[in-house]
Amino acid sequence: MTGYGITIDLTSNYNAVTYVVIFSAAVGVVLRGQDNILTGVHCYNKASSFGGVGTLMNGLFLGDANVLLIKL
């Protein structure tokens, strides 16, 4: 069986996750802290129709921060 657990769970601040490919997780990345950067992260995990989540952001957005999603 696949699609269980969390692959990357960051609870601290000021982290960078770069060029990571995630297979077979229920949740690919969980961000609980603030000021984290994700670049080149690809989540091929459990389908959303089965409860899967690619990136879950629980972090605080400071000042005029925003989320930028780019599809290439």
PDB file of N, CA and C in Angstrom:
ATOM      1  N   MET A   1       0.836  -1.181   0.000  1.00  0.00           N
ATOM      2  CA  MET A   1       0.000   0.000   0.000  1.00  0.00           C
ATOM      3  C   MET A   1       0.878   1.241   0.000  1.00  0.00           C
ATOM      4  N   THR A   2       0.449   2.244  -0.707  1.00  0.00           N
ATOM      5  CA  THR A   2       1.220   3.485  -0.782  1.00  0.00           C
ATOM      6  C   THR A   2       0.357   4.660  -0.366  1.00  0.00           C
ATOM      7  N   GLY A   3       0.979   5.808  -0.194  1.00  0.00           N
ATOM      8  CA  GLY A   3       0.245   7.017   0.075  1.00  0.00           C
ATOM      9  C   GLY A   3      -0.040   7.274   1.536  1.00  0.00           C
ATOM     10  N   TYR A   4       0.895   6.909   2.420  1.00  0.00           N
ATOM     11  CA  TYR A   4       0.711   7.137   3.848  1.00  0.00           C
ATOM     12  C   TYR A   4       1.810   8.027   4.386  1.00  0.00           C
ATOM     13  N   GLY A   5       1.490   8.883   5.342  1.00  0.00           N
ATOM     14  CA  GLY A   5       2.490   9.689   6.015  1.00  0.00           C
ATOM     15  C   GLY A   5       2.814  10.994   5.324  1.00  0.00           C
ATOM     16  N   ILE A   6       3.754  11.716   5.958  1.00  0.00           N
ATOM     17  CA  ILE A   6       4.231  13.009   5.475  1.00  0.00           C
ATOM     18  C   ILE A   6       5.694  12.845   5.102  1.00  0.00           C
ATOM     19  N   THR A   7       6.071  13.307   3.923  1.00  0.00           N
ATOM     20  CA  THR A   7       7.456  13.175   3.482  1.00  0.00           C
ATOM     21  C   THR A   7       8.356  14.218   4.128  1.00  0.00           C
ATOM     22  N   ILE A   8       8.019  15.506   4.017  1.00  0.00           N
ATOM     23  CA  ILE A   8       8.817  16.586   4.599  1.00  0.00           C
ATOM     24  C   ILE A   8       7.898  17.402   5.502  1.00  0.00           C
ATOM     25  N   ASP A   9       8.284  17.529   6.780  1.00  0.00           N
ATOM     26  CA  ASP A   9       7.482  18.267   7.757  1.00  0.00           C
ATOM     27  C   ASP A   9       8.396  19.291   8.426  1.00  0.00           C
ATOM     28  N   LEU A  10       8.256  20.574   8.042  1.00  0.00           N
ATOM     29  CA  LEU A  10       9.116  21.636   8.570  1.00  0.00           C
ATOM     30  C   LEU A  10       8.366  22.438   9.626  1.00  0.00           C
ATOM     31  N   THR A  11       8.879  22.427  10.843  1.00  0.00           N
ATOM     32  CA  THR A  11       8.240  23.180  11.918  1.00  0.00           C
ATOM     33  C   THR A  11       9.047  24.411  12.312  1.00  0.00           C
ATOM     34  N   SER A  12      10.183  24.612  11.679  1.00  0.00           N
ATOM     35  CA  SER A  12      11.035  25.758  12.003  1.00  0.00           C
ATOM     36  C   SER A  12      10.912  26.829  10.916  1.00  0.00           C
ATOM     37  N   ASN A  13      11.642  27.913  11.087  1.00  0.00           N
ATOM     38  CA  ASN A  13      11.588  29.040  10.165  1.00  0.00           C
ATOM     39  C   ASN A  13      12.824  29.082   9.274  1.00  0.00           C
ATOM     40  N   TYR A  14      12.694  29.781   8.148  1.00  0.00           N
ATOM     41  CA  TYR A  14      13.813  30.087   7.241  1.00  0.00           C
ATOM     42  C   TYR A  14      14.474  28.827   6.685  1.00  0.00           C
ATOM     43  N   ASN A  15      13.698  27.978   6.055  1.00  0.00           N
ATOM     44  CA  ASN A  15      14.212  26.776   5.394  1.00  0.00           C
ATOM     45  C   ASN A  15      14.063  26.917   3.890  1.00  0.00           C
ATOM     46  N   ALA A  16      14.890  26.195   3.155  1.00  0.00           N
ATOM     47  CA  ALA A  16      14.768  26.128   1.700  1.00  0.00           C
ATOM     48  C   ALA A  16      14.764  24.663   1.291  1.00  0.00           C
ATOM     49  N   VAL A  17      13.731  24.262   0.556  1.00  0.00           N
ATOM     50  CA  VAL A  17      13.636  22.918   0.007  1.00  0.00           C
ATOM     51  C   VAL A  17      13.747  23.077  -1.498  1.00  0.00           C
ATOM     52  N   THR A  18      14.789  22.513  -2.082  1.00  0.00           N
ATOM     53  CA  THR A  18      15.032  22.707  -3.509  1.00  0.00           C
ATOM     54  C   THR A  18      15.245  21.387  -4.216  1.00  0.00           C
ATOM     55  N   TYR A  19      14.666  21.284  -5.399  1.00  0.00           N
ATOM     56  CA  TYR A  19      14.840  20.160  -6.321  1.00  0.00           C
ATOM     57  C   TYR A  19      14.616  18.813  -5.645  1.00  0.00           C
ATOM     58  N   VAL A  20      13.362  18.596  -5.241  1.00  0.00           N
ATOM     59  CA  VAL A  20      12.972  17.371  -4.561  1.00  0.00           C
ATOM     60  C   VAL A  20      11.806  16.742  -5.331  1.00  0.00           C
ATOM     61  N   VAL A  21      11.852  15.427  -5.493  1.00  0.00           N
ATOM     62  CA  VAL A  21      10.745  14.688  -6.089  1.00  0.00           C
ATOM     63  C   VAL A  21      10.216  13.741  -5.025  1.00  0.00           C
ATOM     64  N   ILE A  22       8.899  13.790  -4.781  1.00  0.00           N
ATOM     65  CA  ILE A  22       8.272  12.991  -3.736  1.00  0.00           C
ATOM     66  C   ILE A  22       7.292  12.020  -4.385  1.00  0.00           C
ATOM     67  N   PHE A  23       7.441  10.733  -4.064  1.00  0.00           N
ATOM     68  CA  PHE A  23       6.538   9.695  -4.556  1.00  0.00           C
ATOM     69  C   PHE A  23       5.813   9.044  -3.383  1.00  0.00           C
ATOM     70  N   SER A  24       4.572   8.704  -3.584  1.00  0.00           N
ATOM     71  CA  SER A  24       3.787   7.863  -2.672  1.00  0.00           C
ATOM     72  C   SER A  24       3.733   8.355  -1.242  1.00  0.00           C
ATOM     73  N   ALA A  25       3.193   9.535  -1.036  1.00  0.00           N
ATOM     74  CA  ALA A  25       2.959  10.051   0.313  1.00  0.00           C
ATOM     75  C   ALA A  25       1.532  10.562   0.378  1.00  0.00           C
ATOM     76  N   ALA A  26       0.959  10.555   1.566  1.00  0.00           N
ATOM     77  CA  ALA A  26      -0.363  11.156   1.717  1.00  0.00           C
ATOM     78  C   ALA A  26      -0.245  12.678   1.622  1.00  0.00           C
ATOM     79  N   VAL A  27       0.816  13.228   2.236  1.00  0.00           N
ATOM     80  CA  VAL A  27       1.109  14.659   2.182  1.00  0.00           C
ATOM     81  C   VAL A  27       2.567  14.811   1.782  1.00  0.00           C
ATOM     82  N   GLY A  28       2.828  15.580   0.736  1.00  0.00           N
ATOM     83  CA  GLY A  28       4.198  15.759   0.270  1.00  0.00           C
ATOM     84  C   GLY A  28       5.019  16.634   1.197  1.00  0.00           C
ATOM     85  N   VAL A  29       4.587  17.876   1.421  1.00  0.00           N
ATOM     86  CA  VAL A  29       5.331  18.835   2.238  1.00  0.00           C
ATOM     87  C   VAL A  29       4.350  19.554   3.167  1.00  0.00           C
ATOM     88  N   VAL A  30       4.716  19.665   4.450  1.00  0.00           N
ATOM     89  CA  VAL A  30       3.943  20.444   5.414  1.00  0.00           C
ATOM     90  C   VAL A  30       4.844  21.557   5.922  1.00  0.00           C
ATOM     91  N   LEU A  31       4.387  22.808   5.782  1.00  0.00           N
ATOM     92  CA  LEU A  31       5.127  23.965   6.273  1.00  0.00           C
ATOM     93  C   LEU A  31       4.384  24.535   7.471  1.00  0.00           C
ATOM     94  N   ARG A  32       4.988  24.430   8.660  1.00  0.00           N
ATOM     95  CA  ARG A  32       4.356  24.923   9.877  1.00  0.00           C
ATOM     96  C   ARG A  32       5.001  26.228  10.357  1.00  0.00           C
ATOM     97  N   GLY A  33       6.214  26.500   9.909  1.00  0.00           N
ATOM     98  CA  GLY A  33       6.907  27.728  10.281  1.00  0.00           C
ATOM     99  C   GLY A  33       6.662  28.801   9.241  1.00  0.00           C
ATOM    100  N   GLN A  34       7.433  29.877   9.337  1.00  0.00           N
ATOM    101  CA  GLN A  34       7.288  30.956   8.362  1.00  0.00           C
ATOM    102  C   GLN A  34       8.599  31.201   7.630  1.00  0.00           C
ATOM    103  N   ASP A  35       8.493  31.944   6.542  1.00  0.00           N
ATOM    104  CA  ASP A  35       9.644  32.327   5.715  1.00  0.00           C
ATOM    105  C   ASP A  35      10.372  31.123   5.124  1.00  0.00           C
ATOM    106  N   ASN A  36       9.637  30.159   4.606  1.00  0.00           N
ATOM    107  CA  ASN A  36      10.217  28.998   3.944  1.00  0.00           C
ATOM    108  C   ASN A  36      10.118  29.166   2.433  1.00  0.00           C
ATOM    109  N   ILE A  37      11.071  28.584   1.715  1.00  0.00           N
ATOM    110  CA  ILE A  37      11.103  28.676   0.257  1.00  0.00           C
ATOM    111  C   ILE A  37      11.114  27.266  -0.324  1.00  0.00           C
ATOM    112  N   LEU A  38      10.204  27.007  -1.265  1.00  0.00           N
ATOM    113  CA  LEU A  38      10.179  25.747  -1.998  1.00  0.00           C
ATOM    114  C   LEU A  38      10.442  26.049  -3.463  1.00  0.00           C
ATOM    115  N   THR A  39      11.415  25.376  -4.046  1.00  0.00           N
ATOM    116  CA  THR A  39      11.757  25.555  -5.453  1.00  0.00           C
ATOM    117  C   THR A  39      11.976  24.186  -6.082  1.00  0.00           C
ATOM    118  N   GLY A  40      11.301  23.916  -7.179  1.00  0.00           N
ATOM    119  CA  GLY A  40      11.492  22.661  -7.887  1.00  0.00           C
ATOM    120  C   GLY A  40      11.024  21.444  -7.111  1.00  0.00           C
ATOM    121  N   VAL A  41       9.954  21.576  -6.340  1.00  0.00           N
ATOM    122  CA  VAL A  41       9.415  20.455  -5.560  1.00  0.00           C
ATOM    123  C   VAL A  41       8.266  19.832  -6.348  1.00  0.00           C
ATOM    124  N   HIS A  42       8.368  18.546  -6.640  1.00  0.00           N
ATOM    125  CA  HIS A  42       7.355  17.824  -7.408  1.00  0.00           C
ATOM    126  C   HIS A  42       6.783  16.712  -6.540  1.00  0.00           C
ATOM    127  N   CYS A  43       5.480  16.759  -6.294  1.00  0.00           N
ATOM    128  CA  CYS A  43       4.809  15.768  -5.444  1.00  0.00           C
ATOM    129  C   CYS A  43       3.957  14.855  -6.315  1.00  0.00           C
ATOM    130  N   TYR A  44       4.389  13.614  -6.482  1.00  0.00           N
ATOM    131  CA  TYR A  44       3.612  12.596  -7.194  1.00  0.00           C
ATOM    132  C   TYR A  44       3.109  11.621  -6.136  1.00  0.00           C
ATOM    133  N   ASN A  45       2.147  12.076  -5.366  1.00  0.00           N
ATOM    134  CA  ASN A  45       1.694  11.271  -4.250  1.00  0.00           C
ATOM    135  C   ASN A  45       0.240  10.877  -4.423  1.00  0.00           C
ATOM    136  N   LYS A  46      -0.399  10.514  -3.342  1.00  0.00           N
ATOM    137  CA  LYS A  46      -1.791  10.073  -3.338  1.00  0.00           C
ATOM    138  C   LYS A  46      -2.688  11.118  -4.001  1.00  0.00           C
ATOM    139  N   ALA A  47      -3.596  10.685  -4.822  1.00  0.00           N
ATOM    140  CA  ALA A  47      -4.489  11.595  -5.542  1.00  0.00           C
ATOM    141  C   ALA A  47      -5.370  12.378  -4.577  1.00  0.00           C
ATOM    142  N   SER A  48      -5.672  13.611  -4.932  1.00  0.00           N
ATOM    143  CA  SER A  48      -6.497  14.455  -4.060  1.00  0.00           C
ATOM    144  C   SER A  48      -7.889  13.862  -3.840  1.00  0.00           C
ATOM    145  N   SER A  49      -8.398  13.131  -4.796  1.00  0.00           N
ATOM    146  CA  SER A  49      -9.715  12.504  -4.620  1.00  0.00           C
ATOM    147  C   SER A  49      -9.695  11.427  -3.537  1.00  0.00           C
ATOM    148  N   PHE A  50      -8.493  10.953  -3.177  1.00  0.00           N
ATOM    149  CA  PHE A  50      -8.332   9.970  -2.101  1.00  0.00           C
ATOM    150  C   PHE A  50      -7.757  10.606  -0.838  1.00  0.00           C
ATOM    151  N   GLY A  51      -7.755  11.941  -0.764  1.00  0.00           N
ATOM    152  CA  GLY A  51      -7.292  12.631   0.440  1.00  0.00           C
ATOM    153  C   GLY A  51      -5.843  13.072   0.413  1.00  0.00           C
ATOM    154  N   GLY A  52      -5.162  12.928  -0.702  1.00  0.00           N
ATOM    155  CA  GLY A  52      -3.763  13.333  -0.798  1.00  0.00           C
ATOM    156  C   GLY A  52      -3.605  14.840  -0.911  1.00  0.00           C
ATOM    157  N   VAL A  53      -2.477  15.363  -0.397  1.00  0.00           N
ATOM    158  CA  VAL A  53      -2.180  16.789  -0.442  1.00  0.00           C
ATOM    159  C   VAL A  53      -0.738  16.942  -0.898  1.00  0.00           C
ATOM    160  N   GLY A  54      -0.497  17.805  -1.872  1.00  0.00           N
ATOM    161  CA  GLY A  54       0.868  18.052  -2.329  1.00  0.00           C
ATOM    162  C   GLY A  54       1.646  18.880  -1.327  1.00  0.00           C
ATOM    163  N   THR A  55       1.207  20.109  -1.076  1.00  0.00           N
ATOM    164  CA  THR A  55       1.866  21.012  -0.124  1.00  0.00           C
ATOM    165  C   THR A  55       0.804  21.623   0.782  1.00  0.00           C
ATOM    166  N   LEU A  56       1.017  21.492   2.080  1.00  0.00           N
ATOM    167  CA  LEU A  56       0.099  22.028   3.078  1.00  0.00           C
ATOM    168  C   LEU A  56       0.825  23.127   3.834  1.00  0.00           C
ATOM    169  N   MET A  57       0.280  24.348   3.768  1.00  0.00           N
ATOM    170  CA  MET A  57       0.930  25.483   4.428  1.00  0.00           C
ATOM    171  C   MET A  57       0.125  25.915   5.646  1.00  0.00           C
ATOM    172  N   ASN A  58       0.712  25.734   6.823  1.00  0.00           N
ATOM    173  CA  ASN A  58       0.109  26.180   8.072  1.00  0.00           C
ATOM    174  C   ASN A  58       0.875  27.369   8.631  1.00  0.00           C
ATOM    175  N   GLY A  59       1.854  27.885   7.892  1.00  0.00           N
ATOM    176  CA  GLY A  59       2.748  28.931   8.387  1.00  0.00           C
ATOM    177  C   GLY A  59       2.139  30.301   8.415  1.00  0.00           C
ATOM    178  N   LEU A  60       2.722  31.169   9.184  1.00  0.00           N
ATOM    179  CA  LEU A  60       2.307  32.553   9.313  1.00  0.00           C
ATOM    180  C   LEU A  60       2.891  33.364   8.153  1.00  0.00           C
ATOM    181  N   PHE A  61       2.057  34.188   7.531  1.00  0.00           N
ATOM    182  CA  PHE A  61       2.522  35.077   6.468  1.00  0.00           C
ATOM    183  C   PHE A  61       2.719  36.457   7.064  1.00  0.00           C
ATOM    184  N   LEU A  62       3.954  36.918   7.092  1.00  0.00           N
ATOM    185  CA  LEU A  62       4.291  38.182   7.723  1.00  0.00           C
ATOM    186  C   LEU A  62       4.155  39.350   6.749  1.00  0.00           C
ATOM    187  N   GLY A  63       3.774  40.508   7.263  1.00  0.00           N
ATOM    188  CA  GLY A  63       3.733  41.733   6.464  1.00  0.00           C
ATOM    189  C   GLY A  63       2.858  41.602   5.243  1.00  0.00           C
ATOM    190  N   ASP A  64       3.398  41.909   4.076  1.00  0.00           N
ATOM    191  CA  ASP A  64       2.635  41.832   2.834  1.00  0.00           C
ATOM    192  C   ASP A  64       3.024  40.593   2.033  1.00  0.00           C
ATOM    193  N   ALA A  65       3.303  39.505   2.729  1.00  0.00           N
ATOM    194  CA  ALA A  65       3.720  38.250   2.088  1.00  0.00           C
ATOM    195  C   ALA A  65       2.597  37.682   1.232  1.00  0.00           C
ATOM    196  N   ASN A  66       2.971  36.844   0.270  1.00  0.00           N
ATOM    197  CA  ASN A  66       1.978  36.211  -0.581  1.00  0.00           C
ATOM    198  C   ASN A  66       2.457  34.824  -0.992  1.00  0.00           C
ATOM    199  N   VAL A  67       1.598  34.098  -1.666  1.00  0.00           N
ATOM    200  CA  VAL A  67       1.921  32.796  -2.211  1.00  0.00           C
ATOM    201  C   VAL A  67       1.917  32.929  -3.722  1.00  0.00           C
ATOM    202  N   LEU A  68       2.984  32.474  -4.354  1.00  0.00           N
ATOM    203  CA  LEU A  68       3.104  32.549  -5.800  1.00  0.00           C
ATOM    204  C   LEU A  68       3.223  31.129  -6.348  1.00  0.00           C
ATOM    205  N   LEU A  69       2.261  30.749  -7.153  1.00  0.00           N
ATOM    206  CA  LEU A  69       2.275  29.426  -7.783  1.00  0.00           C
ATOM    207  C   LEU A  69       2.490  29.620  -9.269  1.00  0.00           C
ATOM    208  N   ILE A  70       3.497  28.946  -9.804  1.00  0.00           N
ATOM    209  CA  ILE A  70       3.840  29.092 -11.212  1.00  0.00           C
ATOM    210  C   ILE A  70       3.746  27.728 -11.892  1.00  0.00           C
ATOM    211  N   LYS A  71       2.969  27.649 -12.938  1.00  0.00           N
ATOM    212  CA  LYS A  71       2.894  26.424 -13.722  1.00  0.00           C
ATOM    213  C   LYS A  71       3.677  26.646 -15.005  1.00  0.00           C
ATOM    214  N   LEU A  72       4.690  25.820 -15.211  1.00  0.00           N
ATOM    215  CA  LEU A  72       5.527  25.965 -16.409  1.00  0.00           C
ATOM    216  C   LEU A  72       5.102  25.027 -17.495  1.00  0.00           C
TER     217      LEU A  72
END
